[in-house]
Amino acid sequence: METFLELLKIFIPALLVMLTAWLVIRSMLHDDQERRRQDLLLQTVKTVTPVRLQAYERIVLFLERITPESLIMRTARPGMTAQQLHSALITGVRSEYEHNLSQQIYMTGEAWEMVKNARGTVVQLINRVASQLPPAATGEELSRLLLEEVMELDAEPTKIAIAYIKSEMARIMG
């Protein structure tokens, strides 16, 4: 019995020291793991945020480029028929969209929906105005009618999308 008590006197303190060491090491490992996770998260934010902002900038540029005024200025040429201009305007919107399609991975779903809606509305507007003209109409007539339609809108779809993008960029930046 004495031997048993002597062994208990040795094992109980040893067990307490081992348990304390295990708890301290576990806590240190957990804290180290949490610190590494925070460092990785911070590094990711430092890397991704500039790329996201650049994507939003490119999308704003895209939206500015597909406004009817901008499209007409870039695509209309003297002597174009309304049909030729209509085709060139639609091709311009599609080309710009395809060029910026990859930016959606850096944007929220809501922001990308706003961009798609703006593009779709611009295409619908161009198609609707072009369908109102006779086949022999000139590009100048299409341009004039399209600009008149845009002026009658309460808010241009591209401007609405740009305002939304700007508000998201403000949230990202702080």
C-alpha atoms as a PDB file:
ATOM      1  CA  MET A   1       0.000   0.000   0.000  1.00  0.00           C
ATOM      2  CA  GLU A   2       2.857   2.329   0.765  1.00  0.00           C
ATOM      3  CA  THR A   3       4.294   1.714  -2.654  1.00  0.00           C
ATOM      4  CA  PHE A   4       0.970   2.558  -4.218  1.00  0.00           C
ATOM      5  CA  LEU A   5       0.785   5.856  -2.315  1.00  0.00           C
ATOM      6  CA  GLU A   6       4.350   6.684  -3.336  1.00  0.00           C
ATOM      7  CA  LEU A   7       3.472   5.998  -6.965  1.00  0.00           C
ATOM      8  CA  LEU A   8       0.372   8.196  -6.678  1.00  0.00           C
ATOM      9  CA  LYS A   9       2.523  10.998  -5.263  1.00  0.00           C
ATOM     10  CA  ILE A  10       4.643  10.794  -8.408  1.00  0.00           C
ATOM     11  CA  PHE A  11       1.922  10.134 -11.013  1.00  0.00           C
ATOM     12  CA  ILE A  12      -0.625  12.757  -9.897  1.00  0.00           C
ATOM     13  CA  PRO A  13       1.790  15.715 -10.161  1.00  0.00           C
ATOM     14  CA  ALA A  14       3.203  14.259 -13.397  1.00  0.00           C
ATOM     15  CA  LEU A  15      -0.327  13.901 -14.772  1.00  0.00           C
ATOM     16  CA  LEU A  16      -1.166  17.483 -13.767  1.00  0.00           C
ATOM     17  CA  VAL A  17       2.028  18.786 -15.393  1.00  0.00           C
ATOM     18  CA  MET A  18       1.281  16.773 -18.553  1.00  0.00           C
ATOM     19  CA  LEU A  19      -2.340  18.009 -18.669  1.00  0.00           C
ATOM     20  CA  THR A  20      -1.225  21.623 -18.165  1.00  0.00           C
ATOM     21  CA  ALA A  21       1.432  21.298 -20.887  1.00  0.00           C
ATOM     22  CA  TRP A  22      -1.102  19.747 -23.255  1.00  0.00           C
ATOM     23  CA  LEU A  23      -3.607  22.567 -22.657  1.00  0.00           C
ATOM     24  CA  VAL A  24      -0.937  25.258 -23.109  1.00  0.00           C
ATOM     25  CA  ILE A  25       0.395  23.675 -26.314  1.00  0.00           C
ATOM     26  CA  ARG A  26      -3.116  23.187 -27.688  1.00  0.00           C
ATOM     27  CA  SER A  27      -3.933  26.823 -26.970  1.00  0.00           C
ATOM     28  CA  MET A  28      -0.705  28.007 -28.591  1.00  0.00           C
ATOM     29  CA  LEU A  29      -1.344  25.881 -31.687  1.00  0.00           C
ATOM     30  CA  HIS A  30      -4.907  27.178 -31.938  1.00  0.00           C
ATOM     31  CA  ASP A  31      -3.735  30.793 -31.588  1.00  0.00           C
ATOM     32  CA  ASP A  32      -1.005  30.221 -34.177  1.00  0.00           C
ATOM     33  CA  GLN A  33      -3.484  28.652 -36.577  1.00  0.00           C
ATOM     34  CA  GLU A  34      -5.902  31.560 -36.097  1.00  0.00           C
ATOM     35  CA  ARG A  35      -3.107  34.090 -36.663  1.00  0.00           C
ATOM     36  CA  ARG A  36      -2.085  32.309 -39.880  1.00  0.00           C
ATOM     37  CA  ARG A  37      -5.691  32.265 -41.051  1.00  0.00           C
ATOM     38  CA  GLN A  38      -5.984  35.999 -40.371  1.00  0.00           C
ATOM     39  CA  ASP A  39      -2.693  36.659 -42.204  1.00  0.00           C
ATOM     40  CA  LEU A  40      -3.896  34.645 -45.193  1.00  0.00           C
ATOM     41  CA  LEU A  41      -7.212  36.485 -45.203  1.00  0.00           C
ATOM     42  CA  LEU A  42      -5.444  39.851 -45.032  1.00  0.00           C
ATOM     43  CA  GLN A  43      -3.091  38.855 -47.862  1.00  0.00           C
ATOM     44  CA  THR A  44      -6.051  37.723 -49.956  1.00  0.00           C
ATOM     45  CA  VAL A  45      -7.835  41.024 -49.364  1.00  0.00           C
ATOM     46  CA  LYS A  46      -4.674  42.950 -50.304  1.00  0.00           C
ATOM     47  CA  THR A  47      -4.407  40.956 -53.529  1.00  0.00           C
ATOM     48  CA  VAL A  48      -8.064  40.721 -54.539  1.00  0.00           C
ATOM     49  CA  THR A  49      -9.283  44.224 -53.694  1.00  0.00           C
ATOM     50  CA  PRO A  50      -7.204  46.012 -56.350  1.00  0.00           C
ATOM     51  CA  VAL A  51      -8.274  43.433 -58.940  1.00  0.00           C
ATOM     52  CA  ARG A  52     -11.927  43.867 -57.962  1.00  0.00           C
ATOM     53  CA  LEU A  53     -11.653  47.642 -58.181  1.00  0.00           C
ATOM     54  CA  GLN A  54     -10.042  47.338 -61.605  1.00  0.00           C
ATOM     55  CA  ALA A  55     -12.906  45.076 -62.712  1.00  0.00           C
ATOM     56  CA  TYR A  56     -15.455  47.633 -61.546  1.00  0.00           C
ATOM     57  CA  GLU A  57     -13.547  50.366 -63.373  1.00  0.00           C
ATOM     58  CA  ARG A  58     -13.583  48.318 -66.571  1.00  0.00           C
ATOM     59  CA  ILE A  59     -17.304  47.697 -66.223  1.00  0.00           C
ATOM     60  CA  VAL A  60     -17.991  51.412 -65.790  1.00  0.00           C
ATOM     61  CA  LEU A  61     -15.948  52.026 -68.939  1.00  0.00           C
ATOM     62  CA  PHE A  62     -17.960  49.317 -70.708  1.00  0.00           C
ATOM     63  CA  LEU A  63     -21.220  50.929 -69.629  1.00  0.00           C
ATOM     64  CA  GLU A  64     -20.029  54.343 -70.800  1.00  0.00           C
ATOM     65  CA  ARG A  65     -18.989  52.870 -74.154  1.00  0.00           C
ATOM     66  CA  ILE A  66     -22.396  51.283 -74.777  1.00  0.00           C
ATOM     67  CA  THR A  67     -24.431  54.417 -74.162  1.00  0.00           C
ATOM     68  CA  PRO A  68     -26.220  55.197 -77.417  1.00  0.00           C
ATOM     69  CA  GLU A  69     -24.436  58.559 -77.710  1.00  0.00           C
ATOM     70  CA  SER A  70     -21.026  56.949 -77.395  1.00  0.00           C
ATOM     71  CA  LEU A  71     -21.917  54.101 -79.748  1.00  0.00           C
ATOM     72  CA  ILE A  72     -23.155  56.486 -82.403  1.00  0.00           C
ATOM     73  CA  MET A  73     -20.055  58.665 -82.151  1.00  0.00           C
ATOM     74  CA  ARG A  74     -17.772  55.655 -82.590  1.00  0.00           C
ATOM     75  CA  THR A  75     -19.669  53.706 -85.244  1.00  0.00           C
ATOM     76  CA  ALA A  76     -21.632  56.104 -87.424  1.00  0.00           C
ATOM     77  CA  ARG A  77     -20.009  56.937 -90.734  1.00  0.00           C
ATOM     78  CA  PRO A  78     -21.286  59.283 -93.434  1.00  0.00           C
ATOM     79  CA  GLY A  79     -23.363  57.485 -96.022  1.00  0.00           C
ATOM     80  CA  MET A  80     -24.377  54.565 -93.801  1.00  0.00           C
ATOM     81  CA  THR A  81     -27.885  53.249 -94.147  1.00  0.00           C
ATOM     82  CA  ALA A  82     -30.029  52.816 -91.041  1.00  0.00           C
ATOM     83  CA  GLN A  83     -29.700  49.071 -91.473  1.00  0.00           C
ATOM     84  CA  GLN A  84     -25.887  49.261 -91.607  1.00  0.00           C
ATOM     85  CA  LEU A  85     -25.742  51.538 -88.577  1.00  0.00           C
ATOM     86  CA  HIS A  86     -28.176  49.324 -86.680  1.00  0.00           C
ATOM     87  CA  SER A  87     -25.983  46.303 -87.354  1.00  0.00           C
ATOM     88  CA  ALA A  88     -22.826  48.209 -86.373  1.00  0.00           C
ATOM     89  CA  LEU A  89     -24.401  49.451 -83.119  1.00  0.00           C
ATOM     90  CA  ILE A  90     -25.542  45.969 -82.082  1.00  0.00           C
ATOM     91  CA  THR A  91     -22.157  44.508 -83.044  1.00  0.00           C
ATOM     92  CA  GLY A  92     -20.437  47.201 -80.978  1.00  0.00           C
ATOM     93  CA  VAL A  93     -22.492  46.394 -77.883  1.00  0.00           C
ATOM     94  CA  ARG A  94     -21.901  42.653 -78.262  1.00  0.00           C
ATOM     95  CA  SER A  95     -18.193  43.112 -78.852  1.00  0.00           C
ATOM     96  CA  GLU A  96     -17.784  45.349 -75.807  1.00  0.00           C
ATOM     97  CA  TYR A  97     -19.798  42.915 -73.687  1.00  0.00           C
ATOM     98  CA  GLU A  98     -17.783  39.888 -74.780  1.00  0.00           C
ATOM     99  CA  HIS A  99     -14.572  41.784 -74.110  1.00  0.00           C
ATOM    100  CA  ASN A 100     -15.637  42.451 -70.500  1.00  0.00           C
ATOM    101  CA  LEU A 101     -17.459  39.202 -69.712  1.00  0.00           C
ATOM    102  CA  SER A 102     -14.703  37.882 -67.452  1.00  0.00           C
ATOM    103  CA  GLN A 103     -15.101  40.823 -65.060  1.00  0.00           C
ATOM    104  CA  GLN A 104     -18.211  39.202 -63.606  1.00  0.00           C
ATOM    105  CA  ILE A 105     -16.098  36.893 -61.424  1.00  0.00           C
ATOM    106  CA  TYR A 106     -14.926  39.904 -59.410  1.00  0.00           C
ATOM    107  CA  MET A 107     -18.373  41.466 -59.052  1.00  0.00           C
ATOM    108  CA  THR A 108     -21.371  40.681 -56.903  1.00  0.00           C
ATOM    109  CA  GLY A 109     -24.251  38.911 -58.571  1.00  0.00           C
ATOM    110  CA  GLU A 110     -26.450  41.971 -58.173  1.00  0.00           C
ATOM    111  CA  ALA A 111     -23.917  44.248 -59.840  1.00  0.00           C
ATOM    112  CA  TRP A 112     -23.472  41.872 -62.761  1.00  0.00           C
ATOM    113  CA  GLU A 113     -27.264  41.646 -63.170  1.00  0.00           C
ATOM    114  CA  MET A 114     -27.398  45.449 -63.366  1.00  0.00           C
ATOM    115  CA  VAL A 115     -24.739  45.355 -66.107  1.00  0.00           C
ATOM    116  CA  LYS A 116     -26.601  42.655 -68.055  1.00  0.00           C
ATOM    117  CA  ASN A 117     -29.886  44.525 -67.705  1.00  0.00           C
ATOM    118  CA  ALA A 118     -28.306  47.759 -68.939  1.00  0.00           C
ATOM    119  CA  ARG A 119     -26.808  45.982 -71.947  1.00  0.00           C
ATOM    120  CA  GLY A 120     -30.108  44.256 -72.724  1.00  0.00           C
ATOM    121  CA  THR A 121     -32.058  47.493 -72.442  1.00  0.00           C
ATOM    122  CA  VAL A 122     -29.640  49.322 -74.754  1.00  0.00           C
ATOM    123  CA  VAL A 123     -29.925  46.531 -77.349  1.00  0.00           C
ATOM    124  CA  GLN A 124     -33.740  46.576 -77.058  1.00  0.00           C
ATOM    125  CA  LEU A 125     -33.777  50.341 -77.468  1.00  0.00           C
ATOM    126  CA  ILE A 126     -31.609  50.182 -80.586  1.00  0.00           C
ATOM    127  CA  ASN A 127     -33.725  47.370 -82.065  1.00  0.00           C
ATOM    128  CA  ARG A 128     -37.017  49.125 -81.271  1.00  0.00           C
ATOM    129  CA  VAL A 129     -35.919  52.430 -82.805  1.00  0.00           C
ATOM    130  CA  ALA A 130     -34.462  50.709 -85.876  1.00  0.00           C
ATOM    131  CA  SER A 131     -37.700  48.785 -86.437  1.00  0.00           C
ATOM    132  CA  GLN A 132     -39.641  52.076 -86.606  1.00  0.00           C
ATOM    133  CA  LEU A 133     -37.716  53.269 -89.639  1.00  0.00           C
ATOM    134  CA  PRO A 134     -38.468  52.420 -93.258  1.00  0.00           C
ATOM    135  CA  PRO A 135     -35.943  50.169 -95.059  1.00  0.00           C
ATOM    136  CA  ALA A 136     -34.550  53.087 -97.065  1.00  0.00           C
ATOM    137  CA  ALA A 137     -33.788  55.220 -93.985  1.00  0.00           C
ATOM    138  CA  THR A 138     -30.346  56.700 -93.509  1.00  0.00           C
ATOM    139  CA  GLY A 139     -27.957  56.202 -90.636  1.00  0.00           C
ATOM    140  CA  GLU A 140     -28.437  59.863 -89.719  1.00  0.00           C
ATOM    141  CA  GLU A 141     -32.161  59.276 -89.274  1.00  0.00           C
ATOM    142  CA  LEU A 142     -31.515  56.296 -87.025  1.00  0.00           C
ATOM    143  CA  SER A 143     -28.990  58.300 -85.016  1.00  0.00           C
ATOM    144  CA  ARG A 144     -31.356  61.221 -84.578  1.00  0.00           C
ATOM    145  CA  LEU A 145     -34.325  59.044 -83.607  1.00  0.00           C
ATOM    146  CA  LEU A 146     -32.209  56.983 -81.218  1.00  0.00           C
ATOM    147  CA  LEU A 147     -30.851  60.087 -79.479  1.00  0.00           C
ATOM    148  CA  GLU A 148     -34.373  61.503 -79.206  1.00  0.00           C
ATOM    149  CA  GLU A 149     -35.554  58.275 -77.582  1.00  0.00           C
ATOM    150  CA  VAL A 150     -32.674  58.375 -75.103  1.00  0.00           C
ATOM    151  CA  MET A 151     -33.495  61.968 -74.176  1.00  0.00           C
ATOM    152  CA  GLU A 152     -37.097  60.964 -73.435  1.00  0.00           C
ATOM    153  CA  LEU A 153     -36.030  58.283 -70.950  1.00  0.00           C
ATOM    154  CA  ASP A 154     -36.379  59.089 -67.263  1.00  0.00           C
ATOM    155  CA  ALA A 155     -32.971  57.550 -66.640  1.00  0.00           C
ATOM    156  CA  GLU A 156     -30.619  55.829 -69.034  1.00  0.00           C
ATOM    157  CA  PRO A 157     -30.116  52.168 -68.157  1.00  0.00           C
ATOM    158  CA  THR A 158     -26.347  52.549 -68.317  1.00  0.00           C
ATOM    159  CA  LYS A 159     -26.425  55.495 -65.891  1.00  0.00           C
ATOM    160  CA  ILE A 160     -28.509  53.464 -63.431  1.00  0.00           C
ATOM    161  CA  ALA A 161     -26.006  50.606 -63.615  1.00  0.00           C
ATOM    162  CA  ILE A 162     -23.057  52.991 -63.228  1.00  0.00           C
ATOM    163  CA  ALA A 163     -24.641  54.502 -60.101  1.00  0.00           C
ATOM    164  CA  TYR A 164     -25.074  51.015 -58.648  1.00  0.00           C
ATOM    165  CA  ILE A 165     -21.471  50.084 -59.495  1.00  0.00           C
ATOM    166  CA  LYS A 166     -20.212  53.272 -57.860  1.00  0.00           C
ATOM    167  CA  SER A 167     -22.149  52.500 -54.689  1.00  0.00           C
ATOM    168  CA  GLU A 168     -20.636  49.014 -54.583  1.00  0.00           C
ATOM    169  CA  MET A 169     -17.152  50.414 -55.110  1.00  0.00           C
ATOM    170  CA  ALA A 170     -17.728  52.780 -52.206  1.00  0.00           C
ATOM    171  CA  ARG A 171     -18.679  49.829 -49.990  1.00  0.00           C
ATOM    172  CA  ILE A 172     -15.554  47.917 -51.050  1.00  0.00           C
ATOM    173  CA  MET A 173     -13.290  50.846 -50.316  1.00  0.00           C
ATOM    174  CA  GLY A 174     -14.617  51.285 -46.838  1.00  0.00           C
END
